[in-house]
Amino acid sequence: MKVAVVVNLSKEKAIASAVDVAKLILEHNAEALMLSECKPFFKGIRISYYDTIELLFKNCEAAITVGGDGTIIHSAKYAARFDIPLIGVNVGRLGFAADVEPDEISKLAGLLAGDYSVSKRALLDVEVVKGESSRHYLAVNDAVLARGQFSKIIDLHLSLNEEEISKYRADGLLFSTPTGSTAYSLSAGGPIIAPEMDCILMTPVCPHSLFSRSVLFSGDSVLSVEVKIPSECCCILTIDGEKNVDILAEDRVIIKKSELSLQLASLHRRNFYKLLNEKLKERET
């Protein structure tokens, strides 16, 4: 079995934990794969290296991330593209999406033996239409269309299946997967959604109204947004907090459920809401 290990090299604890993960993989007669940038940190361990994350996921049968939720989210896009089960070792603060703590690395033997469950997570296909051209982005958690450096509240026109349904005056609109409902959307006042639900969550960001609330759309909905701002200004579309795209007044952003889905592996039988309460208590400390 070929297992990719994606490491957050900015965290010493992640590197130390990844060493344990790599050794466990080798002990179970499997092959450990990593990015070439990891080579200086894993000398003396038999690892196959790849120059790009795309090649890494193309050549593996399962993937383990060692870091925080950001490491999982970045890797999830490639895991979904190549239909690879993904599991995270949490060395971040919260680790909502991670399944294994550093003191539980030995349990990853279950992944190598095929003794694990999979939660299929919906992703968002976010299309930015600029004139005659368009580009698609994949979102694991959320896509946020916000005013960016534009100093004024913006007007956003929201359409459902090509029919305008609402206008918002706000700092922006946030579109979230069920997985992302515990991320930025939660901070913006959105509801918590069970991760297996088939839906798209829309939450206004700092709306200029007492009656603007989150809206839950069915999974087959096609949503689109246009912003009303001066032609010399732009707003910012942010995908999963890591990719920014300038949005002009004449542009259109289309949000729908992606045809791809994420296989998030788990070695535990955990109640989602019980785990959520534990994580939120950790956030308060």
C-alpha atoms as a PDB file:
ATOM      1  CA  MET A   1       0.000   0.000   0.000  1.00  0.00           C
ATOM      2  CA  LYS A   2       1.298   3.466  -0.904  1.00  0.00           C
ATOM      3  CA  VAL A   3       0.466   6.142   1.667  1.00  0.00           C
ATOM      4  CA  ALA A   4       1.088   9.847   1.169  1.00  0.00           C
ATOM      5  CA  VAL A   5       2.090  11.835   4.258  1.00  0.00           C
ATOM      6  CA  VAL A   6       1.526  15.602   3.992  1.00  0.00           C
ATOM      7  CA  VAL A   7       3.321  17.557   6.723  1.00  0.00           C
ATOM      8  CA  ASN A   8       3.067  21.129   7.938  1.00  0.00           C
ATOM      9  CA  LEU A   9       6.805  21.812   8.028  1.00  0.00           C
ATOM     10  CA  SER A  10       6.308  25.062   9.971  1.00  0.00           C
ATOM     11  CA  LYS A  11       5.396  23.065  13.105  1.00  0.00           C
ATOM     12  CA  GLU A  12       8.154  21.127  14.887  1.00  0.00           C
ATOM     13  CA  LYS A  13       5.556  18.927  16.542  1.00  0.00           C
ATOM     14  CA  ALA A  14       4.150  18.041  13.121  1.00  0.00           C
ATOM     15  CA  ILE A  15       7.582  16.977  11.864  1.00  0.00           C
ATOM     16  CA  ALA A  16       8.178  14.828  14.941  1.00  0.00           C
ATOM     17  CA  SER A  17       4.744  13.216  14.598  1.00  0.00           C
ATOM     18  CA  ALA A  18       5.279  12.640  10.861  1.00  0.00           C
ATOM     19  CA  VAL A  19       8.475  10.733  11.654  1.00  0.00           C
ATOM     20  CA  ASP A  20       6.389   8.381  13.828  1.00  0.00           C
ATOM     21  CA  VAL A  21       3.772   8.090  11.066  1.00  0.00           C
ATOM     22  CA  ALA A  22       6.386   7.238   8.413  1.00  0.00           C
ATOM     23  CA  LYS A  23       7.994   4.611  10.648  1.00  0.00           C
ATOM     24  CA  LEU A  24       4.584   3.051  11.348  1.00  0.00           C
ATOM     25  CA  ILE A  25       3.865   2.839   7.626  1.00  0.00           C
ATOM     26  CA  LEU A  26       7.176   1.077   6.977  1.00  0.00           C
ATOM     27  CA  GLU A  27       6.667  -1.298   9.910  1.00  0.00           C
ATOM     28  CA  HIS A  28       3.471  -2.497   8.241  1.00  0.00           C
ATOM     29  CA  ASN A  29       5.244  -3.189   4.934  1.00  0.00           C
ATOM     30  CA  ALA A  30       3.653  -0.213   3.210  1.00  0.00           C
ATOM     31  CA  GLU A  31       5.368   2.579   1.278  1.00  0.00           C
ATOM     32  CA  ALA A  32       5.579   6.137   2.605  1.00  0.00           C
ATOM     33  CA  LEU A  33       5.355   8.979   0.065  1.00  0.00           C
ATOM     34  CA  MET A  34       6.161  12.660   0.723  1.00  0.00           C
ATOM     35  CA  LEU A  35       6.860  15.913  -1.070  1.00  0.00           C
ATOM     36  CA  SER A  36      10.499  16.576  -1.992  1.00  0.00           C
ATOM     37  CA  GLU A  37      10.590  19.610   0.326  1.00  0.00           C
ATOM     38  CA  CYS A  38      10.338  17.182   3.267  1.00  0.00           C
ATOM     39  CA  LYS A  39      13.578  15.337   2.420  1.00  0.00           C
ATOM     40  CA  PRO A  40      15.910  17.323   4.761  1.00  0.00           C
ATOM     41  CA  PHE A  41      13.694  16.521   7.755  1.00  0.00           C
ATOM     42  CA  PHE A  42      13.402  12.747   7.247  1.00  0.00           C
ATOM     43  CA  LYS A  43      16.955  11.544   6.623  1.00  0.00           C
ATOM     44  CA  GLY A  44      17.543   7.879   7.328  1.00  0.00           C
ATOM     45  CA  ILE A  45      13.911   6.908   6.709  1.00  0.00           C
ATOM     46  CA  ARG A  46      13.022   5.057   3.510  1.00  0.00           C
ATOM     47  CA  ILE A  47      10.597   7.459   1.805  1.00  0.00           C
ATOM     48  CA  SER A  48       9.652   8.024  -1.843  1.00  0.00           C
ATOM     49  CA  TYR A  49       9.580  11.701  -2.756  1.00  0.00           C
ATOM     50  CA  TYR A  50       7.567  13.652  -5.354  1.00  0.00           C
ATOM     51  CA  ASP A  51       8.113  17.199  -6.563  1.00  0.00           C
ATOM     52  CA  THR A  52       4.448  18.264  -6.621  1.00  0.00           C
ATOM     53  CA  ILE A  53       1.438  17.534  -4.446  1.00  0.00           C
ATOM     54  CA  GLU A  54      -0.492  16.512  -7.554  1.00  0.00           C
ATOM     55  CA  LEU A  55       2.035  13.778  -8.360  1.00  0.00           C
ATOM     56  CA  LEU A  56       2.063  12.747  -4.711  1.00  0.00           C
ATOM     57  CA  PHE A  57      -1.690  12.103  -4.662  1.00  0.00           C
ATOM     58  CA  LYS A  58      -1.692  10.574  -8.126  1.00  0.00           C
ATOM     59  CA  ASN A  59       0.652   7.853  -6.884  1.00  0.00           C
ATOM     60  CA  CYS A  60      -0.855   7.036  -3.476  1.00  0.00           C
ATOM     61  CA  GLU A  61      -3.745   4.853  -2.292  1.00  0.00           C
ATOM     62  CA  ALA A  62      -4.426   6.740   0.939  1.00  0.00           C
ATOM     63  CA  ALA A  63      -3.225   9.978   2.524  1.00  0.00           C
ATOM     64  CA  ILE A  64      -2.392  11.139   6.034  1.00  0.00           C
ATOM     65  CA  THR A  65      -1.982  14.801   6.923  1.00  0.00           C
ATOM     66  CA  VAL A  66       0.052  15.911   9.930  1.00  0.00           C
ATOM     67  CA  GLY A  67      -0.798  19.466  10.939  1.00  0.00           C
ATOM     68  CA  GLY A  68      -3.982  21.413  11.588  1.00  0.00           C
ATOM     69  CA  ASP A  69      -7.249  21.807   9.707  1.00  0.00           C
ATOM     70  CA  GLY A  70      -5.501  24.018   7.131  1.00  0.00           C
ATOM     71  CA  THR A  71      -3.254  21.116   6.127  1.00  0.00           C
ATOM     72  CA  ILE A  72      -6.293  18.857   5.738  1.00  0.00           C
ATOM     73  CA  ILE A  73      -8.227  21.418   3.684  1.00  0.00           C
ATOM     74  CA  HIS A  74      -5.316  22.002   1.295  1.00  0.00           C
ATOM     75  CA  SER A  75      -4.766  18.257   0.831  1.00  0.00           C
ATOM     76  CA  ALA A  76      -8.490  17.484   0.555  1.00  0.00           C
ATOM     77  CA  LYS A  77      -8.753  19.113  -2.875  1.00  0.00           C
ATOM     78  CA  TYR A  78      -6.226  16.641  -4.284  1.00  0.00           C
ATOM     79  CA  ALA A  79      -7.649  13.689  -2.352  1.00  0.00           C
ATOM     80  CA  ALA A  80     -11.068  14.441  -3.855  1.00  0.00           C
ATOM     81  CA  ARG A  81      -9.672  14.768  -7.366  1.00  0.00           C
ATOM     82  CA  PHE A  82      -7.974  11.369  -7.201  1.00  0.00           C
ATOM     83  CA  ASP A  83     -10.674   9.751  -4.999  1.00  0.00           C
ATOM     84  CA  ILE A  84      -8.224   8.960  -2.187  1.00  0.00           C
ATOM     85  CA  PRO A  85      -9.280   8.430   1.467  1.00  0.00           C
ATOM     86  CA  LEU A  86      -7.792  11.118   3.715  1.00  0.00           C
ATOM     87  CA  ILE A  87      -7.195  11.157   7.459  1.00  0.00           C
ATOM     88  CA  GLY A  88      -5.623  13.838   9.633  1.00  0.00           C
ATOM     89  CA  VAL A  89      -3.285  13.783  12.630  1.00  0.00           C
ATOM     90  CA  ASN A  90      -4.059  16.903  14.633  1.00  0.00           C
ATOM     91  CA  VAL A  91      -1.144  19.012  15.837  1.00  0.00           C
ATOM     92  CA  GLY A  92      -3.121  22.235  15.483  1.00  0.00           C
ATOM     93  CA  ARG A  93      -5.247  23.958  18.098  1.00  0.00           C
ATOM     94  CA  LEU A  94      -8.692  22.571  17.279  1.00  0.00           C
ATOM     95  CA  GLY A  95      -8.550  20.053  14.471  1.00  0.00           C
ATOM     96  CA  PHE A  96     -12.273  19.809  13.692  1.00  0.00           C
ATOM     97  CA  ALA A  97     -11.560  17.643  10.639  1.00  0.00           C
ATOM     98  CA  ALA A  98      -8.671  15.604  12.096  1.00  0.00           C
ATOM     99  CA  ASP A  99      -9.397  12.144  13.473  1.00  0.00           C
ATOM    100  CA  VAL A 100      -6.152  11.218  15.259  1.00  0.00           C
ATOM    101  CA  GLU A 101      -4.192  12.952  18.017  1.00  0.00           C
ATOM    102  CA  PRO A 102      -0.370  12.612  18.193  1.00  0.00           C
ATOM    103  CA  ASP A 103      -0.618  10.092  21.052  1.00  0.00           C
ATOM    104  CA  GLU A 104      -2.906   7.914  18.893  1.00  0.00           C
ATOM    105  CA  ILE A 105      -0.610   7.468  15.890  1.00  0.00           C
ATOM    106  CA  SER A 106      -0.408   3.718  16.503  1.00  0.00           C
ATOM    107  CA  LYS A 107      -4.120   3.524  15.604  1.00  0.00           C
ATOM    108  CA  LEU A 108      -3.220   4.439  12.015  1.00  0.00           C
ATOM    109  CA  ALA A 109      -2.424   0.747  11.612  1.00  0.00           C
ATOM    110  CA  GLY A 110      -6.179   0.413  11.084  1.00  0.00           C
ATOM    111  CA  LEU A 111      -5.947   2.578   7.961  1.00  0.00           C
ATOM    112  CA  LEU A 112      -3.197   0.342   6.574  1.00  0.00           C
ATOM    113  CA  ALA A 113      -5.276  -2.754   7.321  1.00  0.00           C
ATOM    114  CA  GLY A 114      -8.394  -1.296   5.724  1.00  0.00           C
ATOM    115  CA  ASP A 115     -10.160  -1.189   9.092  1.00  0.00           C
ATOM    116  CA  TYR A 116     -11.705   2.266   8.941  1.00  0.00           C
ATOM    117  CA  SER A 117     -14.935   4.043   8.035  1.00  0.00           C
ATOM    118  CA  VAL A 118     -15.407   6.798   5.466  1.00  0.00           C
ATOM    119  CA  SER A 119     -17.544   9.927   5.704  1.00  0.00           C
ATOM    120  CA  LYS A 120     -18.305  11.343   2.253  1.00  0.00           C
ATOM    121  CA  ARG A 121     -18.153  15.137   2.406  1.00  0.00           C
ATOM    122  CA  ALA A 122     -19.737  17.467  -0.144  1.00  0.00           C
ATOM    123  CA  LEU A 123     -17.538  20.128  -1.756  1.00  0.00           C
ATOM    124  CA  LEU A 124     -18.422  23.351  -3.553  1.00  0.00           C
ATOM    125  CA  ASP A 125     -17.752  24.157  -7.196  1.00  0.00           C
ATOM    126  CA  VAL A 126     -17.190  27.924  -7.307  1.00  0.00           C
ATOM    127  CA  GLU A 127     -17.145  29.438 -10.794  1.00  0.00           C
ATOM    128  CA  VAL A 128     -16.012  32.986 -11.478  1.00  0.00           C
ATOM    129  CA  VAL A 129     -17.398  34.339 -14.742  1.00  0.00           C
ATOM    130  CA  LYS A 130     -15.528  37.286 -16.252  1.00  0.00           C
ATOM    131  CA  GLY A 131     -16.966  38.267 -19.620  1.00  0.00           C
ATOM    132  CA  GLU A 132     -16.590  35.335 -22.003  1.00  0.00           C
ATOM    133  CA  SER A 133     -14.192  33.402 -19.771  1.00  0.00           C
ATOM    134  CA  SER A 134     -14.646  31.554 -16.511  1.00  0.00           C
ATOM    135  CA  ARG A 135     -12.601  29.648 -13.968  1.00  0.00           C
ATOM    136  CA  HIS A 136     -13.608  27.008 -11.442  1.00  0.00           C
ATOM    137  CA  TYR A 137     -12.385  26.615  -7.855  1.00  0.00           C
ATOM    138  CA  LEU A 138     -12.984  23.768  -5.403  1.00  0.00           C
ATOM    139  CA  ALA A 139     -13.984  24.647  -1.838  1.00  0.00           C
ATOM    140  CA  VAL A 140     -13.836  22.205   1.065  1.00  0.00           C
ATOM    141  CA  ASN A 141     -15.104  24.575   3.765  1.00  0.00           C
ATOM    142  CA  ASP A 142     -16.384  27.787   2.240  1.00  0.00           C
ATOM    143  CA  ALA A 143     -16.323  30.544  -0.345  1.00  0.00           C
ATOM    144  CA  VAL A 144     -16.654  34.130   0.909  1.00  0.00           C
ATOM    145  CA  LEU A 145     -17.481  37.088  -1.295  1.00  0.00           C
ATOM    146  CA  ALA A 146     -16.582  40.191   0.728  1.00  0.00           C
ATOM    147  CA  ARG A 147     -15.911  43.889   0.267  1.00  0.00           C
ATOM    148  CA  GLY A 148     -12.158  43.444   0.847  1.00  0.00           C
ATOM    149  CA  GLN A 149     -10.438  46.852   0.926  1.00  0.00           C
ATOM    150  CA  PHE A 150     -13.522  48.592  -0.437  1.00  0.00           C
ATOM    151  CA  SER A 151     -14.543  50.796   2.491  1.00  0.00           C
ATOM    152  CA  LYS A 152     -18.324  50.778   2.049  1.00  0.00           C
ATOM    153  CA  ILE A 153     -21.019  48.198   2.652  1.00  0.00           C
ATOM    154  CA  ILE A 154     -21.782  46.474  -0.639  1.00  0.00           C
ATOM    155  CA  ASP A 155     -25.016  45.459  -2.355  1.00  0.00           C
ATOM    156  CA  LEU A 156     -25.141  41.793  -3.316  1.00  0.00           C
ATOM    157  CA  HIS A 157     -27.804  40.288  -5.572  1.00  0.00           C
ATOM    158  CA  LEU A 158     -28.406  36.580  -4.973  1.00  0.00           C
ATOM    159  CA  SER A 159     -30.036  34.303  -7.549  1.00  0.00           C
ATOM    160  CA  LEU A 160     -31.253  30.718  -7.254  1.00  0.00           C
ATOM    161  CA  ASN A 161     -31.378  28.648 -10.448  1.00  0.00           C
ATOM    162  CA  GLU A 162     -31.039  31.865 -12.531  1.00  0.00           C
ATOM    163  CA  GLU A 163     -33.877  33.690 -10.749  1.00  0.00           C
ATOM    164  CA  GLU A 164     -33.040  36.576  -8.412  1.00  0.00           C
ATOM    165  CA  ILE A 165     -34.381  35.833  -4.938  1.00  0.00           C
ATOM    166  CA  SER A 166     -32.812  38.386  -2.608  1.00  0.00           C
ATOM    167  CA  LYS A 167     -30.708  41.507  -2.219  1.00  0.00           C
ATOM    168  CA  TYR A 168     -28.331  42.035   0.685  1.00  0.00           C
ATOM    169  CA  ARG A 169     -26.531  45.084   2.032  1.00  0.00           C
ATOM    170  CA  ALA A 170     -23.633  43.573   3.957  1.00  0.00           C
ATOM    171  CA  ASP A 171     -19.887  43.157   4.228  1.00  0.00           C
ATOM    172  CA  GLY A 172     -20.308  40.006   2.164  1.00  0.00           C
ATOM    173  CA  LEU A 173     -21.936  36.611   1.679  1.00  0.00           C
ATOM    174  CA  LEU A 174     -20.485  33.329   2.899  1.00  0.00           C
ATOM    175  CA  PHE A 175     -21.285  30.014   1.192  1.00  0.00           C
ATOM    176  CA  SER A 176     -20.407  26.912   3.161  1.00  0.00           C
ATOM    177  CA  THR A 177     -20.425  23.140   2.905  1.00  0.00           C
ATOM    178  CA  PRO A 178     -21.796  21.196   5.888  1.00  0.00           C
ATOM    179  CA  THR A 179     -18.166  20.470   6.809  1.00  0.00           C
ATOM    180  CA  GLY A 180     -17.437  24.203   6.785  1.00  0.00           C
ATOM    181  CA  SER A 181     -20.407  25.057   9.001  1.00  0.00           C
ATOM    182  CA  THR A 182     -18.094  24.791  12.037  1.00  0.00           C
ATOM    183  CA  ALA A 183     -15.515  27.170  10.520  1.00  0.00           C
ATOM    184  CA  TYR A 184     -15.955  30.836   9.509  1.00  0.00           C
ATOM    185  CA  SER A 185     -19.714  30.365   9.075  1.00  0.00           C
ATOM    186  CA  LEU A 186     -20.086  29.501  12.760  1.00  0.00           C
ATOM    187  CA  SER A 187     -18.214  32.674  13.745  1.00  0.00           C
ATOM    188  CA  ALA A 188     -20.507  34.654  11.428  1.00  0.00           C
ATOM    189  CA  GLY A 189     -23.588  33.367  13.270  1.00  0.00           C
ATOM    190  CA  GLY A 190     -24.457  30.453  10.993  1.00  0.00           C
ATOM    191  CA  PRO A 191     -25.940  27.152  12.218  1.00  0.00           C
ATOM    192  CA  ILE A 192     -24.070  23.911  12.809  1.00  0.00           C
ATOM    193  CA  ILE A 193     -24.902  21.268  10.211  1.00  0.00           C
ATOM    194  CA  ALA A 194     -24.243  17.529  10.355  1.00  0.00           C
ATOM    195  CA  PRO A 195     -21.366  16.907   7.900  1.00  0.00           C
ATOM    196  CA  GLU A 196     -23.181  14.233   5.852  1.00  0.00           C
ATOM    197  CA  MET A 197     -26.125  16.499   4.950  1.00  0.00           C
ATOM    198  CA  ASP A 198     -26.700  17.379   1.295  1.00  0.00           C
ATOM    199  CA  CYS A 199     -27.037  21.163   1.275  1.00  0.00           C
ATOM    200  CA  ILE A 200     -25.372  24.546   0.753  1.00  0.00           C
ATOM    201  CA  LEU A 201     -25.372  27.066   3.606  1.00  0.00           C
ATOM    202  CA  MET A 202     -25.451  30.811   2.889  1.00  0.00           C
ATOM    203  CA  THR A 203     -24.717  33.281   5.697  1.00  0.00           C
ATOM    204  CA  PRO A 204     -24.630  37.087   5.324  1.00  0.00           C
ATOM    205  CA  VAL A 205     -21.492  38.665   6.813  1.00  0.00           C
ATOM    206  CA  CYS A 206     -22.308  41.703   8.997  1.00  0.00           C
ATOM    207  CA  PRO A 207     -25.627  42.409   7.225  1.00  0.00           C
ATOM    208  CA  HIS A 208     -27.105  45.906   7.393  1.00  0.00           C
ATOM    209  CA  SER A 209     -30.435  44.497   8.565  1.00  0.00           C
ATOM    210  CA  LEU A 210     -31.873  42.939  11.711  1.00  0.00           C
ATOM    211  CA  PHE A 211     -33.661  40.290   9.673  1.00  0.00           C
ATOM    212  CA  SER A 212     -30.882  38.843   7.503  1.00  0.00           C
ATOM    213  CA  ARG A 213     -30.328  35.253   8.565  1.00  0.00           C
ATOM    214  CA  SER A 214     -28.568  32.177   7.241  1.00  0.00           C
ATOM    215  CA  VAL A 215     -30.383  30.239   4.523  1.00  0.00           C
ATOM    216  CA  LEU A 216     -30.053  26.520   3.825  1.00  0.00           C
ATOM    217  CA  PHE A 217     -30.354  25.514   0.153  1.00  0.00           C
ATOM    218  CA  SER A 218     -30.786  22.003  -1.215  1.00  0.00           C
ATOM    219  CA  GLY A 219     -27.737  20.238  -2.584  1.00  0.00           C
ATOM    220  CA  ASP A 220     -28.911  20.551  -6.196  1.00  0.00           C
ATOM    221  CA  SER A 221     -29.221  24.347  -6.014  1.00  0.00           C
ATOM    222  CA  VAL A 222     -27.253  26.613  -8.340  1.00  0.00           C
ATOM    223  CA  LEU A 223     -26.614  29.961  -6.662  1.00  0.00           C
ATOM    224  CA  SER A 224     -25.101  33.045  -8.250  1.00  0.00           C
ATOM    225  CA  VAL A 225     -24.044  36.432  -6.899  1.00  0.00           C
ATOM    226  CA  GLU A 226     -23.410  39.809  -8.488  1.00  0.00           C
ATOM    227  CA  VAL A 227     -22.006  42.783  -6.575  1.00  0.00           C
ATOM    228  CA  LYS A 228     -23.024  46.380  -7.120  1.00  0.00           C
ATOM    229  CA  ILE A 229     -19.923  48.529  -6.669  1.00  0.00           C
ATOM    230  CA  PRO A 230     -18.244  51.342  -8.650  1.00  0.00           C
ATOM    231  CA  SER A 231     -16.487  50.095 -11.783  1.00  0.00           C
ATOM    232  CA  GLU A 232     -13.064  51.183 -10.476  1.00  0.00           C
ATOM    233  CA  CYS A 233     -13.435  49.057  -7.315  1.00  0.00           C
ATOM    234  CA  CYS A 234     -13.326  45.337  -6.634  1.00  0.00           C
ATOM    235  CA  CYS A 235     -14.428  42.846  -4.014  1.00  0.00           C
ATOM    236  CA  ILE A 236     -12.571  39.734  -2.911  1.00  0.00           C
ATOM    237  CA  LEU A 237     -13.678  36.127  -3.291  1.00  0.00           C
ATOM    238  CA  THR A 238     -11.807  33.897  -0.834  1.00  0.00           C
ATOM    239  CA  ILE A 239     -11.799  30.115  -1.209  1.00  0.00           C
ATOM    240  CA  ASP A 240     -11.135  28.193   2.023  1.00  0.00           C
ATOM    241  CA  GLY A 241      -9.168  31.136   3.374  1.00  0.00           C
ATOM    242  CA  GLU A 242      -6.230  30.384   1.064  1.00  0.00           C
ATOM    243  CA  LYS A 243      -7.118  31.572  -2.458  1.00  0.00           C
ATOM    244  CA  ASN A 244      -8.173  35.162  -3.253  1.00  0.00           C
ATOM    245  CA  VAL A 245      -9.817  36.291  -6.489  1.00  0.00           C
ATOM    246  CA  ASP A 246     -10.674  39.900  -7.403  1.00  0.00           C
ATOM    247  CA  ILE A 247     -14.357  40.312  -8.281  1.00  0.00           C
ATOM    248  CA  LEU A 248     -15.441  43.328 -10.338  1.00  0.00           C
ATOM    249  CA  ALA A 249     -18.910  44.843 -10.737  1.00  0.00           C
ATOM    250  CA  GLU A 250     -19.509  43.078 -14.058  1.00  0.00           C
ATOM    251  CA  ASP A 251     -18.368  39.641 -12.783  1.00  0.00           C
ATOM    252  CA  ARG A 252     -20.587  36.816 -11.599  1.00  0.00           C
ATOM    253  CA  VAL A 253     -19.856  34.132  -8.995  1.00  0.00           C
ATOM    254  CA  ILE A 254     -21.723  30.815  -9.349  1.00  0.00           C
ATOM    255  CA  ILE A 255     -21.826  28.362  -6.440  1.00  0.00           C
ATOM    256  CA  LYS A 256     -23.053  24.773  -6.611  1.00  0.00           C
ATOM    257  CA  LYS A 257     -22.203  21.385  -5.188  1.00  0.00           C
ATOM    258  CA  SER A 258     -19.181  19.848  -6.860  1.00  0.00           C
ATOM    259  CA  GLU A 259     -19.328  16.532  -8.673  1.00  0.00           C
ATOM    260  CA  LEU A 260     -16.306  15.585  -6.583  1.00  0.00           C
ATOM    261  CA  SER A 261     -16.577  14.546  -2.945  1.00  0.00           C
ATOM    262  CA  LEU A 262     -14.076  13.978  -0.163  1.00  0.00           C
ATOM    263  CA  GLN A 263     -13.546  10.593   1.476  1.00  0.00           C
ATOM    264  CA  LEU A 264     -12.692  11.583   5.044  1.00  0.00           C
ATOM    265  CA  ALA A 265     -11.470   8.455   6.819  1.00  0.00           C
ATOM    266  CA  SER A 266     -12.052   7.761  10.507  1.00  0.00           C
ATOM    267  CA  LEU A 267     -10.685   5.165  12.923  1.00  0.00           C
ATOM    268  CA  HIS A 268     -13.119   6.110  15.696  1.00  0.00           C
ATOM    269  CA  ARG A 269     -16.848   5.784  16.224  1.00  0.00           C
ATOM    270  CA  ARG A 270     -17.557   9.291  17.465  1.00  0.00           C
ATOM    271  CA  ASN A 271     -20.781  11.197  17.900  1.00  0.00           C
ATOM    272  CA  PHE A 272     -20.411  14.362  15.808  1.00  0.00           C
ATOM    273  CA  TYR A 273     -22.254  16.599  18.264  1.00  0.00           C
ATOM    274  CA  LYS A 274     -20.390  15.262  21.297  1.00  0.00           C
ATOM    275  CA  LEU A 275     -17.055  15.812  19.533  1.00  0.00           C
ATOM    276  CA  LEU A 276     -18.189  19.279  18.498  1.00  0.00           C
ATOM    277  CA  ASN A 277     -18.947  20.245  22.093  1.00  0.00           C
ATOM    278  CA  GLU A 278     -15.491  19.052  23.164  1.00  0.00           C
ATOM    279  CA  LYS A 279     -13.786  21.055  20.405  1.00  0.00           C
ATOM    280  CA  LEU A 280     -15.765  24.221  21.153  1.00  0.00           C
ATOM    281  CA  LYS A 281     -14.828  23.967  24.836  1.00  0.00           C
ATOM    282  CA  GLU A 282     -11.172  23.750  23.754  1.00  0.00           C
ATOM    283  CA  ARG A 283     -11.656  26.903  21.659  1.00  0.00           C
ATOM    284  CA  GLU A 284     -12.731  28.815  24.800  1.00  0.00           C
ATOM    285  CA  THR A 285      -9.540  27.925  26.720  1.00  0.00           C
END
